[in-house]
N, C-alpha and C. Protein backbone atom coordinates (compact mmCIF):
# COMPACT_ATOMS: atom_id res chain seq x y z
N MET A 1 8.09 22.49 -14.82
CA MET A 1 7.28 21.41 -14.25
C MET A 1 7.62 21.24 -12.78
N LYS A 2 6.60 21.13 -11.96
CA LYS A 2 6.81 20.84 -10.55
C LYS A 2 7.35 19.43 -10.40
N ASP A 3 7.89 19.14 -9.21
CA ASP A 3 8.29 17.76 -8.94
C ASP A 3 7.40 17.18 -7.85
N LEU A 4 7.58 15.90 -7.56
CA LEU A 4 6.72 15.21 -6.60
C LEU A 4 6.78 15.85 -5.22
N ASN A 5 7.97 16.17 -4.75
CA ASN A 5 8.10 16.73 -3.41
C ASN A 5 7.41 18.08 -3.30
N THR A 6 7.49 18.89 -4.35
CA THR A 6 6.81 20.19 -4.34
C THR A 6 5.31 20.00 -4.25
N LEU A 7 4.78 19.05 -5.02
CA LEU A 7 3.35 18.77 -4.98
C LEU A 7 2.91 18.32 -3.59
N ILE A 8 3.67 17.39 -3.00
CA ILE A 8 3.32 16.88 -1.67
C ILE A 8 3.40 17.99 -0.63
N ASP A 9 4.47 18.78 -0.68
CA ASP A 9 4.63 19.90 0.27
C ASP A 9 3.47 20.88 0.15
N SER A 10 3.04 21.14 -1.08
CA SER A 10 1.92 22.06 -1.31
C SER A 10 0.64 21.53 -0.69
N MET A 11 0.38 20.22 -0.83
CA MET A 11 -0.84 19.64 -0.26
C MET A 11 -0.79 19.61 1.26
N ILE A 12 0.40 19.42 1.82
CA ILE A 12 0.56 19.48 3.28
C ILE A 12 0.29 20.90 3.77
N THR A 13 0.84 21.89 3.05
CA THR A 13 0.63 23.30 3.41
C THR A 13 -0.85 23.67 3.33
N GLN A 14 -1.54 23.15 2.31
CA GLN A 14 -2.98 23.41 2.16
C GLN A 14 -3.80 22.77 3.27
N GLY A 15 -3.24 21.78 3.92
CA GLY A 15 -3.96 21.08 4.98
C GLY A 15 -4.80 19.92 4.49
N VAL A 16 -4.65 19.53 3.20
CA VAL A 16 -5.43 18.39 2.68
C VAL A 16 -4.70 17.07 2.86
N LEU A 17 -3.40 17.13 3.09
CA LEU A 17 -2.59 15.93 3.28
C LEU A 17 -1.95 16.02 4.66
N LYS A 18 -2.30 15.07 5.55
CA LYS A 18 -1.91 15.19 6.95
C LYS A 18 -1.31 13.92 7.55
N SER A 19 -1.92 12.78 7.26
CA SER A 19 -1.57 11.53 7.96
C SER A 19 -0.26 10.95 7.45
N PRO A 20 0.63 10.53 8.35
CA PRO A 20 1.93 10.00 7.93
C PRO A 20 1.83 8.86 6.93
N GLN A 21 0.88 7.92 7.13
CA GLN A 21 0.79 6.77 6.23
C GLN A 21 0.33 7.18 4.82
N ILE A 22 -0.47 8.24 4.74
CA ILE A 22 -0.94 8.70 3.42
C ILE A 22 0.15 9.52 2.74
N ILE A 23 0.88 10.32 3.49
CA ILE A 23 2.01 11.07 2.93
C ILE A 23 3.05 10.09 2.37
N LYS A 24 3.35 9.04 3.12
CA LYS A 24 4.33 8.04 2.65
C LYS A 24 3.85 7.35 1.37
N ALA A 25 2.54 7.10 1.28
CA ALA A 25 1.99 6.48 0.07
C ALA A 25 2.17 7.39 -1.13
N PHE A 26 1.91 8.68 -0.98
CA PHE A 26 2.10 9.64 -2.08
C PHE A 26 3.56 9.71 -2.50
N GLU A 27 4.46 9.59 -1.53
CA GLU A 27 5.90 9.60 -1.85
C GLU A 27 6.32 8.34 -2.60
N ALA A 28 5.77 7.20 -2.20
CA ALA A 28 6.19 5.92 -2.76
C ALA A 28 5.52 5.60 -4.10
N VAL A 29 4.27 6.04 -4.26
CA VAL A 29 3.49 5.72 -5.46
C VAL A 29 3.40 6.99 -6.32
N ASP A 30 4.45 7.23 -7.07
CA ASP A 30 4.59 8.46 -7.85
C ASP A 30 3.53 8.53 -8.95
N ARG A 31 2.81 9.64 -8.99
CA ARG A 31 1.74 9.83 -9.98
C ARG A 31 2.23 9.70 -11.43
N LYS A 32 3.51 9.94 -11.67
CA LYS A 32 4.02 9.91 -13.05
C LYS A 32 3.82 8.55 -13.71
N HIS A 33 3.74 7.48 -12.90
CA HIS A 33 3.58 6.14 -13.44
C HIS A 33 2.15 5.84 -13.89
N PHE A 34 1.24 6.79 -13.64
CA PHE A 34 -0.18 6.57 -13.95
C PHE A 34 -0.72 7.58 -14.95
N VAL A 35 0.10 8.54 -15.34
CA VAL A 35 -0.29 9.58 -16.28
C VAL A 35 0.14 9.18 -17.69
N PRO A 36 -0.72 9.34 -18.71
CA PRO A 36 -0.30 9.02 -20.08
C PRO A 36 0.95 9.78 -20.50
N GLN A 37 1.78 9.15 -21.30
CA GLN A 37 3.05 9.73 -21.72
C GLN A 37 2.89 11.14 -22.30
N THR A 38 1.81 11.35 -23.05
CA THR A 38 1.60 12.65 -23.70
C THR A 38 1.31 13.78 -22.71
N LEU A 39 0.98 13.42 -21.47
CA LEU A 39 0.64 14.44 -20.46
C LEU A 39 1.65 14.49 -19.33
N ARG A 40 2.79 13.82 -19.51
CA ARG A 40 3.77 13.73 -18.43
C ARG A 40 4.26 15.10 -17.93
N MET A 41 4.27 16.10 -18.81
CA MET A 41 4.73 17.42 -18.38
C MET A 41 3.79 18.05 -17.34
N ASN A 42 2.57 17.51 -17.23
CA ASN A 42 1.59 18.02 -16.27
C ASN A 42 1.40 17.11 -15.06
N THR A 43 2.29 16.12 -14.92
CA THR A 43 2.14 15.11 -13.87
C THR A 43 1.90 15.71 -12.49
N TYR A 44 2.67 16.73 -12.15
CA TYR A 44 2.63 17.26 -10.78
C TYR A 44 1.81 18.54 -10.66
N VAL A 45 1.03 18.85 -11.68
CA VAL A 45 0.06 19.95 -11.59
C VAL A 45 -1.14 19.43 -10.80
N ASP A 46 -1.65 20.24 -9.90
CA ASP A 46 -2.77 19.81 -9.07
C ASP A 46 -4.07 19.96 -9.86
N ALA A 47 -4.27 19.05 -10.80
CA ALA A 47 -5.45 19.10 -11.67
C ALA A 47 -5.74 17.69 -12.17
N PRO A 48 -7.00 17.40 -12.52
CA PRO A 48 -7.31 16.11 -13.16
C PRO A 48 -6.73 16.08 -14.56
N LEU A 49 -6.36 14.90 -15.03
CA LEU A 49 -5.80 14.74 -16.38
C LEU A 49 -6.52 13.60 -17.09
N GLY A 50 -6.76 13.77 -18.39
CA GLY A 50 -7.46 12.75 -19.16
C GLY A 50 -6.63 11.49 -19.33
N ILE A 51 -7.29 10.34 -19.22
CA ILE A 51 -6.60 9.06 -19.44
C ILE A 51 -7.30 8.26 -20.55
N GLY A 52 -8.18 8.93 -21.30
CA GLY A 52 -8.88 8.27 -22.40
C GLY A 52 -10.27 7.82 -22.01
N GLU A 53 -11.11 7.59 -23.03
CA GLU A 53 -12.48 7.10 -22.84
C GLU A 53 -13.32 8.04 -21.97
N GLY A 54 -12.97 9.34 -22.00
CA GLY A 54 -13.72 10.32 -21.22
C GLY A 54 -13.47 10.27 -19.73
N GLN A 55 -12.45 9.52 -19.32
CA GLN A 55 -12.13 9.35 -17.89
C GLN A 55 -10.89 10.16 -17.53
N THR A 56 -10.69 10.37 -16.23
CA THR A 56 -9.54 11.16 -15.76
C THR A 56 -8.83 10.46 -14.62
N ILE A 57 -7.56 10.83 -14.45
CA ILE A 57 -6.86 10.56 -13.19
C ILE A 57 -7.13 11.78 -12.33
N SER A 58 -7.65 11.57 -11.13
CA SER A 58 -8.17 12.67 -10.32
C SER A 58 -7.10 13.66 -9.89
N GLN A 59 -7.56 14.85 -9.56
CA GLN A 59 -6.70 15.91 -9.02
C GLN A 59 -6.03 15.41 -7.74
N PRO A 60 -4.70 15.56 -7.62
CA PRO A 60 -4.01 15.04 -6.43
C PRO A 60 -4.59 15.51 -5.10
N SER A 61 -4.95 16.80 -4.99
CA SER A 61 -5.47 17.28 -3.71
C SER A 61 -6.83 16.68 -3.39
N THR A 62 -7.62 16.35 -4.43
CA THR A 62 -8.90 15.69 -4.20
C THR A 62 -8.68 14.26 -3.72
N VAL A 63 -7.72 13.55 -4.34
CA VAL A 63 -7.38 12.19 -3.90
C VAL A 63 -6.89 12.23 -2.45
N ALA A 64 -6.01 13.18 -2.14
CA ALA A 64 -5.50 13.30 -0.77
C ALA A 64 -6.64 13.56 0.21
N PHE A 65 -7.54 14.46 -0.15
CA PHE A 65 -8.68 14.79 0.72
C PHE A 65 -9.54 13.55 0.97
N MET A 66 -9.86 12.81 -0.11
CA MET A 66 -10.72 11.64 0.03
C MET A 66 -10.05 10.54 0.85
N LEU A 67 -8.74 10.35 0.67
CA LEU A 67 -8.03 9.35 1.45
C LEU A 67 -7.96 9.74 2.92
N GLU A 68 -7.75 11.02 3.19
CA GLU A 68 -7.71 11.47 4.59
C GLU A 68 -9.06 11.22 5.27
N VAL A 69 -10.14 11.50 4.55
CA VAL A 69 -11.48 11.28 5.11
C VAL A 69 -11.75 9.78 5.29
N LEU A 70 -11.31 8.98 4.30
CA LEU A 70 -11.51 7.53 4.37
C LEU A 70 -10.71 6.91 5.51
N SER A 71 -9.50 7.43 5.75
CA SER A 71 -8.61 6.98 6.82
C SER A 71 -8.28 5.48 6.73
N PRO A 72 -7.72 5.04 5.59
CA PRO A 72 -7.32 3.63 5.45
C PRO A 72 -6.18 3.30 6.42
N GLN A 73 -6.18 2.06 6.90
CA GLN A 73 -5.19 1.63 7.89
C GLN A 73 -4.56 0.30 7.46
N LYS A 74 -3.41 0.01 8.05
CA LYS A 74 -2.73 -1.26 7.78
C LYS A 74 -3.67 -2.43 8.06
N GLY A 75 -3.60 -3.44 7.20
CA GLY A 75 -4.34 -4.67 7.43
C GLY A 75 -5.79 -4.65 6.99
N GLU A 76 -6.29 -3.51 6.50
CA GLU A 76 -7.70 -3.43 6.14
C GLU A 76 -7.98 -4.04 4.76
N LYS A 77 -9.23 -4.41 4.57
CA LYS A 77 -9.74 -4.91 3.30
C LYS A 77 -10.55 -3.79 2.66
N ILE A 78 -10.10 -3.33 1.49
CA ILE A 78 -10.68 -2.11 0.89
C ILE A 78 -11.17 -2.38 -0.53
N LEU A 79 -12.30 -1.78 -0.86
CA LEU A 79 -12.87 -1.83 -2.20
C LEU A 79 -12.70 -0.48 -2.86
N ASP A 80 -12.17 -0.48 -4.10
CA ASP A 80 -11.90 0.75 -4.84
C ASP A 80 -12.72 0.74 -6.14
N ILE A 81 -13.80 1.48 -6.16
CA ILE A 81 -14.72 1.50 -7.31
C ILE A 81 -14.35 2.64 -8.26
N GLY A 82 -14.16 2.30 -9.53
CA GLY A 82 -13.75 3.30 -10.52
C GLY A 82 -12.25 3.51 -10.46
N SER A 83 -11.51 2.40 -10.57
CA SER A 83 -10.06 2.46 -10.33
C SER A 83 -9.28 3.20 -11.41
N GLY A 84 -9.84 3.33 -12.61
CA GLY A 84 -9.24 4.17 -13.65
C GLY A 84 -7.79 3.83 -13.95
N SER A 85 -6.92 4.79 -13.72
CA SER A 85 -5.49 4.62 -14.00
C SER A 85 -4.81 3.63 -13.07
N GLY A 86 -5.47 3.29 -11.95
CA GLY A 86 -4.86 2.41 -10.95
C GLY A 86 -4.17 3.15 -9.83
N TRP A 87 -4.13 4.46 -9.88
CA TRP A 87 -3.37 5.24 -8.89
C TRP A 87 -3.94 5.08 -7.49
N THR A 88 -5.27 5.26 -7.34
CA THR A 88 -5.84 5.14 -5.99
C THR A 88 -5.69 3.71 -5.46
N THR A 89 -5.82 2.72 -6.33
CA THR A 89 -5.65 1.33 -5.90
C THR A 89 -4.24 1.12 -5.38
N ALA A 90 -3.25 1.65 -6.09
CA ALA A 90 -1.85 1.50 -5.67
C ALA A 90 -1.56 2.26 -4.38
N LEU A 91 -2.11 3.45 -4.23
CA LEU A 91 -1.95 4.22 -2.99
C LEU A 91 -2.53 3.44 -1.81
N LEU A 92 -3.75 2.93 -1.99
CA LEU A 92 -4.39 2.16 -0.93
C LEU A 92 -3.61 0.89 -0.61
N CYS A 93 -3.09 0.24 -1.66
CA CYS A 93 -2.31 -0.99 -1.48
C CYS A 93 -1.08 -0.72 -0.62
N HIS A 94 -0.42 0.40 -0.87
CA HIS A 94 0.76 0.77 -0.07
C HIS A 94 0.37 0.98 1.38
N ILE A 95 -0.78 1.61 1.61
CA ILE A 95 -1.19 1.93 2.98
C ILE A 95 -1.59 0.68 3.76
N VAL A 96 -2.35 -0.24 3.15
CA VAL A 96 -2.84 -1.40 3.91
C VAL A 96 -1.74 -2.42 4.18
N GLY A 97 -0.67 -2.39 3.38
CA GLY A 97 0.48 -3.24 3.65
C GLY A 97 0.24 -4.71 3.33
N GLU A 98 1.18 -5.53 3.73
CA GLU A 98 1.17 -6.96 3.39
C GLU A 98 0.01 -7.72 3.99
N GLU A 99 -0.56 -7.23 5.08
CA GLU A 99 -1.66 -7.94 5.72
C GLU A 99 -3.03 -7.48 5.24
N GLY A 100 -3.07 -6.43 4.42
CA GLY A 100 -4.34 -5.92 3.91
C GLY A 100 -4.56 -6.33 2.46
N SER A 101 -5.68 -5.89 1.90
CA SER A 101 -5.98 -6.16 0.50
C SER A 101 -6.82 -5.04 -0.08
N VAL A 102 -6.67 -4.84 -1.40
CA VAL A 102 -7.43 -3.82 -2.11
C VAL A 102 -7.94 -4.44 -3.40
N ARG A 103 -9.24 -4.30 -3.65
CA ARG A 103 -9.83 -4.79 -4.89
C ARG A 103 -10.38 -3.61 -5.68
N GLY A 104 -9.78 -3.36 -6.83
CA GLY A 104 -10.22 -2.28 -7.69
C GLY A 104 -11.14 -2.81 -8.78
N TYR A 105 -12.17 -2.02 -9.11
CA TYR A 105 -13.07 -2.37 -10.19
C TYR A 105 -13.21 -1.21 -11.16
N GLU A 106 -13.19 -1.52 -12.45
CA GLU A 106 -13.28 -0.52 -13.51
C GLU A 106 -14.17 -1.06 -14.62
N ARG A 107 -15.02 -0.22 -15.21
CA ARG A 107 -15.95 -0.68 -16.25
C ARG A 107 -15.38 -0.59 -17.66
N VAL A 108 -14.45 0.34 -17.91
CA VAL A 108 -13.93 0.55 -19.26
C VAL A 108 -12.81 -0.44 -19.52
N ASP A 109 -13.00 -1.30 -20.54
CA ASP A 109 -12.05 -2.39 -20.80
C ASP A 109 -10.61 -1.92 -20.94
N SER A 110 -10.39 -0.87 -21.74
CA SER A 110 -9.02 -0.39 -21.98
C SER A 110 -8.39 0.12 -20.69
N LEU A 111 -9.20 0.68 -19.81
CA LEU A 111 -8.66 1.20 -18.54
C LEU A 111 -8.41 0.08 -17.53
N VAL A 112 -9.17 -1.01 -17.64
CA VAL A 112 -8.87 -2.17 -16.80
C VAL A 112 -7.44 -2.63 -17.06
N GLU A 113 -7.09 -2.75 -18.34
CA GLU A 113 -5.74 -3.19 -18.71
C GLU A 113 -4.69 -2.14 -18.35
N TYR A 114 -5.02 -0.88 -18.59
CA TYR A 114 -4.10 0.22 -18.25
C TYR A 114 -3.83 0.25 -16.74
N GLY A 115 -4.91 0.14 -15.95
CA GLY A 115 -4.77 0.14 -14.50
C GLY A 115 -3.98 -1.05 -13.99
N LYS A 116 -4.25 -2.24 -14.55
CA LYS A 116 -3.50 -3.44 -14.15
C LYS A 116 -2.01 -3.27 -14.43
N HIS A 117 -1.69 -2.75 -15.61
CA HIS A 117 -0.29 -2.54 -16.00
C HIS A 117 0.40 -1.59 -15.02
N ASN A 118 -0.29 -0.51 -14.66
CA ASN A 118 0.30 0.47 -13.74
C ASN A 118 0.43 -0.08 -12.33
N LEU A 119 -0.60 -0.78 -11.87
CA LEU A 119 -0.57 -1.34 -10.51
C LEU A 119 0.57 -2.35 -10.35
N ALA A 120 0.85 -3.11 -11.42
CA ALA A 120 1.89 -4.14 -11.36
C ALA A 120 3.27 -3.57 -11.08
N LYS A 121 3.47 -2.27 -11.32
CA LYS A 121 4.75 -1.63 -11.01
C LYS A 121 4.97 -1.53 -9.51
N PHE A 122 3.87 -1.63 -8.75
CA PHE A 122 3.96 -1.41 -7.30
C PHE A 122 3.49 -2.60 -6.48
N CYS A 123 2.71 -3.47 -7.06
CA CYS A 123 2.18 -4.62 -6.33
C CYS A 123 2.23 -5.85 -7.21
N GLN A 124 3.00 -6.84 -6.80
CA GLN A 124 3.23 -8.03 -7.61
C GLN A 124 2.49 -9.27 -7.09
N ASN A 125 1.59 -9.10 -6.13
CA ASN A 125 0.88 -10.26 -5.61
C ASN A 125 -0.63 -10.03 -5.66
N GLU A 126 -1.38 -11.07 -5.28
CA GLU A 126 -2.82 -11.04 -5.47
C GLU A 126 -3.57 -10.23 -4.41
N ARG A 127 -2.89 -9.73 -3.42
CA ARG A 127 -3.61 -9.00 -2.37
C ARG A 127 -4.19 -7.68 -2.89
N CYS A 128 -3.63 -7.17 -3.97
CA CYS A 128 -4.16 -5.96 -4.60
C CYS A 128 -4.39 -6.25 -6.08
N SER A 129 -5.57 -5.94 -6.57
CA SER A 129 -5.91 -6.28 -7.95
C SER A 129 -6.88 -5.28 -8.54
N ILE A 130 -6.93 -5.25 -9.86
CA ILE A 130 -7.94 -4.49 -10.60
C ILE A 130 -8.64 -5.45 -11.53
N GLN A 131 -9.97 -5.40 -11.51
CA GLN A 131 -10.76 -6.32 -12.30
C GLN A 131 -11.82 -5.55 -13.10
N LYS A 132 -12.32 -6.18 -14.13
CA LYS A 132 -13.44 -5.65 -14.90
C LYS A 132 -14.69 -5.68 -14.03
N ALA A 133 -15.37 -4.53 -13.92
CA ALA A 133 -16.58 -4.46 -13.11
C ALA A 133 -17.69 -5.33 -13.70
N LYS A 134 -18.45 -5.96 -12.84
CA LYS A 134 -19.58 -6.79 -13.27
C LYS A 134 -20.84 -5.93 -13.32
N ASN A 135 -21.97 -6.56 -13.53
CA ASN A 135 -23.23 -5.82 -13.55
C ASN A 135 -23.57 -5.23 -12.19
N ASP A 136 -23.20 -5.97 -11.13
CA ASP A 136 -23.42 -5.47 -9.78
C ASP A 136 -22.29 -4.54 -9.37
N LEU A 137 -22.59 -3.60 -8.48
CA LEU A 137 -21.56 -2.74 -7.94
C LEU A 137 -20.76 -3.49 -6.88
N GLY A 138 -19.45 -3.44 -6.98
CA GLY A 138 -18.61 -4.05 -5.97
C GLY A 138 -18.71 -5.56 -5.96
N GLU A 139 -18.77 -6.13 -4.75
CA GLU A 139 -18.83 -7.58 -4.57
C GLU A 139 -19.95 -7.92 -3.59
N PRO A 140 -21.19 -8.01 -4.08
CA PRO A 140 -22.30 -8.36 -3.19
C PRO A 140 -22.02 -9.63 -2.40
N GLY A 141 -22.31 -9.59 -1.12
CA GLY A 141 -22.04 -10.73 -0.25
C GLY A 141 -20.72 -10.62 0.49
N GLU A 142 -19.81 -9.79 -0.01
CA GLU A 142 -18.53 -9.53 0.66
C GLU A 142 -18.68 -8.34 1.61
N LYS A 143 -17.77 -8.23 2.57
CA LYS A 143 -17.77 -7.11 3.51
C LYS A 143 -16.38 -6.47 3.51
N PHE A 144 -16.35 -5.15 3.51
CA PHE A 144 -15.10 -4.40 3.45
C PHE A 144 -15.01 -3.42 4.62
N ASP A 145 -13.76 -3.18 5.05
CA ASP A 145 -13.53 -2.17 6.09
C ASP A 145 -13.78 -0.77 5.54
N LYS A 146 -13.35 -0.55 4.30
CA LYS A 146 -13.47 0.77 3.69
C LYS A 146 -13.84 0.60 2.21
N ILE A 147 -14.58 1.57 1.69
CA ILE A 147 -14.90 1.61 0.26
C ILE A 147 -14.63 3.02 -0.24
N LEU A 148 -13.85 3.11 -1.33
CA LEU A 148 -13.59 4.38 -1.99
C LEU A 148 -14.23 4.34 -3.37
N VAL A 149 -15.01 5.36 -3.70
CA VAL A 149 -15.64 5.47 -5.01
C VAL A 149 -15.11 6.73 -5.67
N SER A 150 -14.64 6.61 -6.92
CA SER A 150 -14.00 7.75 -7.58
C SER A 150 -14.79 8.28 -8.77
N ALA A 151 -16.09 7.98 -8.81
CA ALA A 151 -16.97 8.52 -9.84
C ALA A 151 -18.29 8.88 -9.17
N ALA A 152 -18.98 9.88 -9.72
CA ALA A 152 -20.15 10.45 -9.05
C ALA A 152 -21.43 9.66 -9.33
N ALA A 153 -22.07 9.20 -8.26
CA ALA A 153 -23.37 8.56 -8.36
C ALA A 153 -24.48 9.62 -8.32
N GLU A 154 -25.67 9.24 -8.79
CA GLU A 154 -26.83 10.14 -8.72
C GLU A 154 -27.47 10.08 -7.34
N GLU A 155 -27.34 8.93 -6.70
CA GLU A 155 -27.87 8.75 -5.34
C GLU A 155 -27.01 7.71 -4.64
N LEU A 156 -27.19 7.60 -3.33
CA LEU A 156 -26.37 6.67 -2.55
C LEU A 156 -26.70 5.22 -2.91
N PRO A 157 -25.71 4.45 -3.42
CA PRO A 157 -25.97 3.05 -3.77
C PRO A 157 -26.02 2.17 -2.52
N MET A 158 -27.22 1.73 -2.16
CA MET A 158 -27.36 0.95 -0.93
C MET A 158 -26.65 -0.39 -1.02
N GLU A 159 -26.44 -0.90 -2.27
CA GLU A 159 -25.71 -2.17 -2.40
C GLU A 159 -24.27 -2.03 -1.92
N LEU A 160 -23.70 -0.84 -2.01
CA LEU A 160 -22.36 -0.62 -1.46
C LEU A 160 -22.39 -0.44 0.05
N VAL A 161 -23.41 0.22 0.55
CA VAL A 161 -23.57 0.35 2.00
C VAL A 161 -23.65 -1.05 2.63
N ASP A 162 -24.36 -1.96 1.96
CA ASP A 162 -24.50 -3.34 2.47
C ASP A 162 -23.15 -4.05 2.53
N GLN A 163 -22.19 -3.62 1.70
CA GLN A 163 -20.88 -4.28 1.65
C GLN A 163 -19.90 -3.74 2.68
N LEU A 164 -20.32 -2.77 3.48
CA LEU A 164 -19.48 -2.27 4.56
C LEU A 164 -19.61 -3.15 5.80
N LYS A 165 -18.48 -3.43 6.43
CA LYS A 165 -18.50 -4.07 7.73
C LYS A 165 -19.08 -3.10 8.76
N ARG A 166 -19.54 -3.64 9.87
CA ARG A 166 -19.95 -2.77 10.98
C ARG A 166 -18.74 -1.94 11.43
N GLY A 167 -18.91 -0.64 11.50
CA GLY A 167 -17.79 0.25 11.81
C GLY A 167 -17.05 0.70 10.57
N GLY A 168 -17.45 0.19 9.40
CA GLY A 168 -16.77 0.54 8.15
C GLY A 168 -17.18 1.91 7.62
N LYS A 169 -16.40 2.37 6.66
CA LYS A 169 -16.62 3.72 6.12
C LYS A 169 -16.50 3.72 4.60
N MET A 170 -17.38 4.49 3.96
CA MET A 170 -17.31 4.69 2.51
C MET A 170 -17.23 6.17 2.21
N VAL A 171 -16.37 6.51 1.25
CA VAL A 171 -16.30 7.88 0.74
C VAL A 171 -16.72 7.82 -0.72
N ILE A 172 -17.76 8.58 -1.07
CA ILE A 172 -18.35 8.48 -2.40
C ILE A 172 -18.85 9.84 -2.88
N PRO A 173 -18.51 10.23 -4.12
CA PRO A 173 -19.11 11.44 -4.70
C PRO A 173 -20.55 11.15 -5.11
N ILE A 174 -21.45 12.05 -4.75
CA ILE A 174 -22.83 11.99 -5.23
C ILE A 174 -23.15 13.37 -5.78
N LYS A 175 -23.41 13.40 -7.10
CA LYS A 175 -23.60 14.67 -7.82
C LYS A 175 -22.35 15.53 -7.59
N ASN A 176 -22.48 16.70 -6.97
CA ASN A 176 -21.32 17.59 -6.81
C ASN A 176 -20.83 17.67 -5.37
N SER A 177 -21.09 16.63 -4.61
CA SER A 177 -20.65 16.58 -3.21
C SER A 177 -19.92 15.27 -2.95
N ILE A 178 -19.10 15.28 -1.91
CA ILE A 178 -18.51 14.04 -1.41
C ILE A 178 -19.27 13.65 -0.14
N PHE A 179 -19.73 12.40 -0.10
CA PHE A 179 -20.45 11.90 1.06
C PHE A 179 -19.56 10.94 1.84
N ILE A 180 -19.62 11.04 3.15
CA ILE A 180 -18.93 10.13 4.06
C ILE A 180 -19.99 9.29 4.73
N VAL A 181 -19.94 7.98 4.48
CA VAL A 181 -20.96 7.06 4.99
C VAL A 181 -20.29 6.13 6.00
N THR A 182 -20.74 6.17 7.22
CA THR A 182 -20.18 5.33 8.28
C THR A 182 -21.26 4.39 8.79
N LYS A 183 -20.98 3.09 8.73
CA LYS A 183 -21.96 2.10 9.21
C LYS A 183 -21.67 1.82 10.68
N ARG A 184 -22.51 2.38 11.54
CA ARG A 184 -22.32 2.18 12.98
C ARG A 184 -22.88 0.82 13.42
N LEU A 185 -24.06 0.48 12.89
CA LEU A 185 -24.67 -0.83 13.08
C LEU A 185 -25.25 -1.23 11.72
N GLU A 186 -25.72 -2.47 11.58
CA GLU A 186 -26.27 -2.90 10.29
C GLU A 186 -27.40 -1.99 9.82
N ASP A 187 -28.20 -1.48 10.76
CA ASP A 187 -29.33 -0.63 10.39
C ASP A 187 -29.15 0.80 10.88
N ASP A 188 -27.91 1.20 11.13
CA ASP A 188 -27.63 2.55 11.63
C ASP A 188 -26.45 3.12 10.85
N VAL A 189 -26.74 4.02 9.92
CA VAL A 189 -25.72 4.59 9.04
C VAL A 189 -25.68 6.10 9.23
N LYS A 190 -24.48 6.61 9.46
CA LYS A 190 -24.27 8.06 9.57
C LYS A 190 -23.80 8.59 8.22
N ILE A 191 -24.43 9.68 7.74
CA ILE A 191 -24.09 10.25 6.44
C ILE A 191 -23.73 11.72 6.61
N GLU A 192 -22.55 12.09 6.10
CA GLU A 192 -22.12 13.49 6.11
C GLU A 192 -21.87 13.93 4.67
N GLU A 193 -22.17 15.19 4.37
CA GLU A 193 -22.00 15.70 3.01
C GLU A 193 -21.02 16.88 3.00
N ILE A 194 -20.08 16.85 2.05
CA ILE A 194 -19.13 17.95 1.86
C ILE A 194 -19.30 18.46 0.44
N TYR A 195 -19.62 19.74 0.29
CA TYR A 195 -19.99 20.30 -1.00
C TYR A 195 -18.78 20.72 -1.84
N GLY A 196 -19.01 20.84 -3.15
CA GLY A 196 -18.08 21.55 -4.02
C GLY A 196 -17.05 20.72 -4.75
N PHE A 197 -17.47 19.58 -5.35
CA PHE A 197 -16.54 18.74 -6.10
C PHE A 197 -17.17 18.37 -7.43
N ARG A 198 -16.33 17.89 -8.35
CA ARG A 198 -16.84 17.45 -9.65
C ARG A 198 -16.11 16.18 -10.07
N PHE A 199 -16.87 15.17 -10.47
CA PHE A 199 -16.30 13.88 -10.88
C PHE A 199 -16.99 13.40 -12.15
N VAL A 200 -16.32 12.47 -12.85
CA VAL A 200 -16.99 11.79 -13.95
C VAL A 200 -18.11 10.94 -13.36
N PRO A 201 -19.16 10.64 -14.14
CA PRO A 201 -20.31 9.91 -13.60
C PRO A 201 -20.01 8.43 -13.35
N LEU A 202 -20.64 7.88 -12.31
CA LEU A 202 -20.57 6.47 -12.01
C LEU A 202 -21.65 5.77 -12.82
N ILE A 203 -21.26 4.83 -13.68
CA ILE A 203 -22.20 4.13 -14.55
C ILE A 203 -22.33 2.69 -14.08
N TYR A 204 -23.56 2.27 -13.82
CA TYR A 204 -23.80 0.89 -13.39
C TYR A 204 -25.24 0.51 -13.66
């Protein structure tokens, strides 16, 4: 079995993990705390792993890639859609620090509890949380600096674009691509597409 440092070094060598704040988050928020006990021997394999209910904890290099593209910073307010095991929520929580906040949303009841349990190992206050997703995506009426989506939509959800602050960024899988959505002005959105990924479907 690989160890955490080997996995991190491999992702740095691949060029998918670059930023100091994201590297430190991967070091501090060990994936082993989010992987089911029965799969612990595969914790540091660069592959997605099942967490029940047809859902997965994402491949580490894919998480690293998406976080690098998202570029979370200290003090930011971030929305994490499809929080699953809680790993991405905890990574983001570490990055934004005491002055930032992260709100994770998950639709599967058992995973809401699983994610909350895992997140509590790393964040003991209300600035970072995982909640049961409502009928609406995210938090309509709220504005976020960054939005991370970890399940594949069929098309770009404009209700999430509306929840971005001016200058904000969203990283979201759509079908088999990752899209980078940057809101330059309220009515001016830049969209970039990166091909070649696979995610569980986003249900809403």
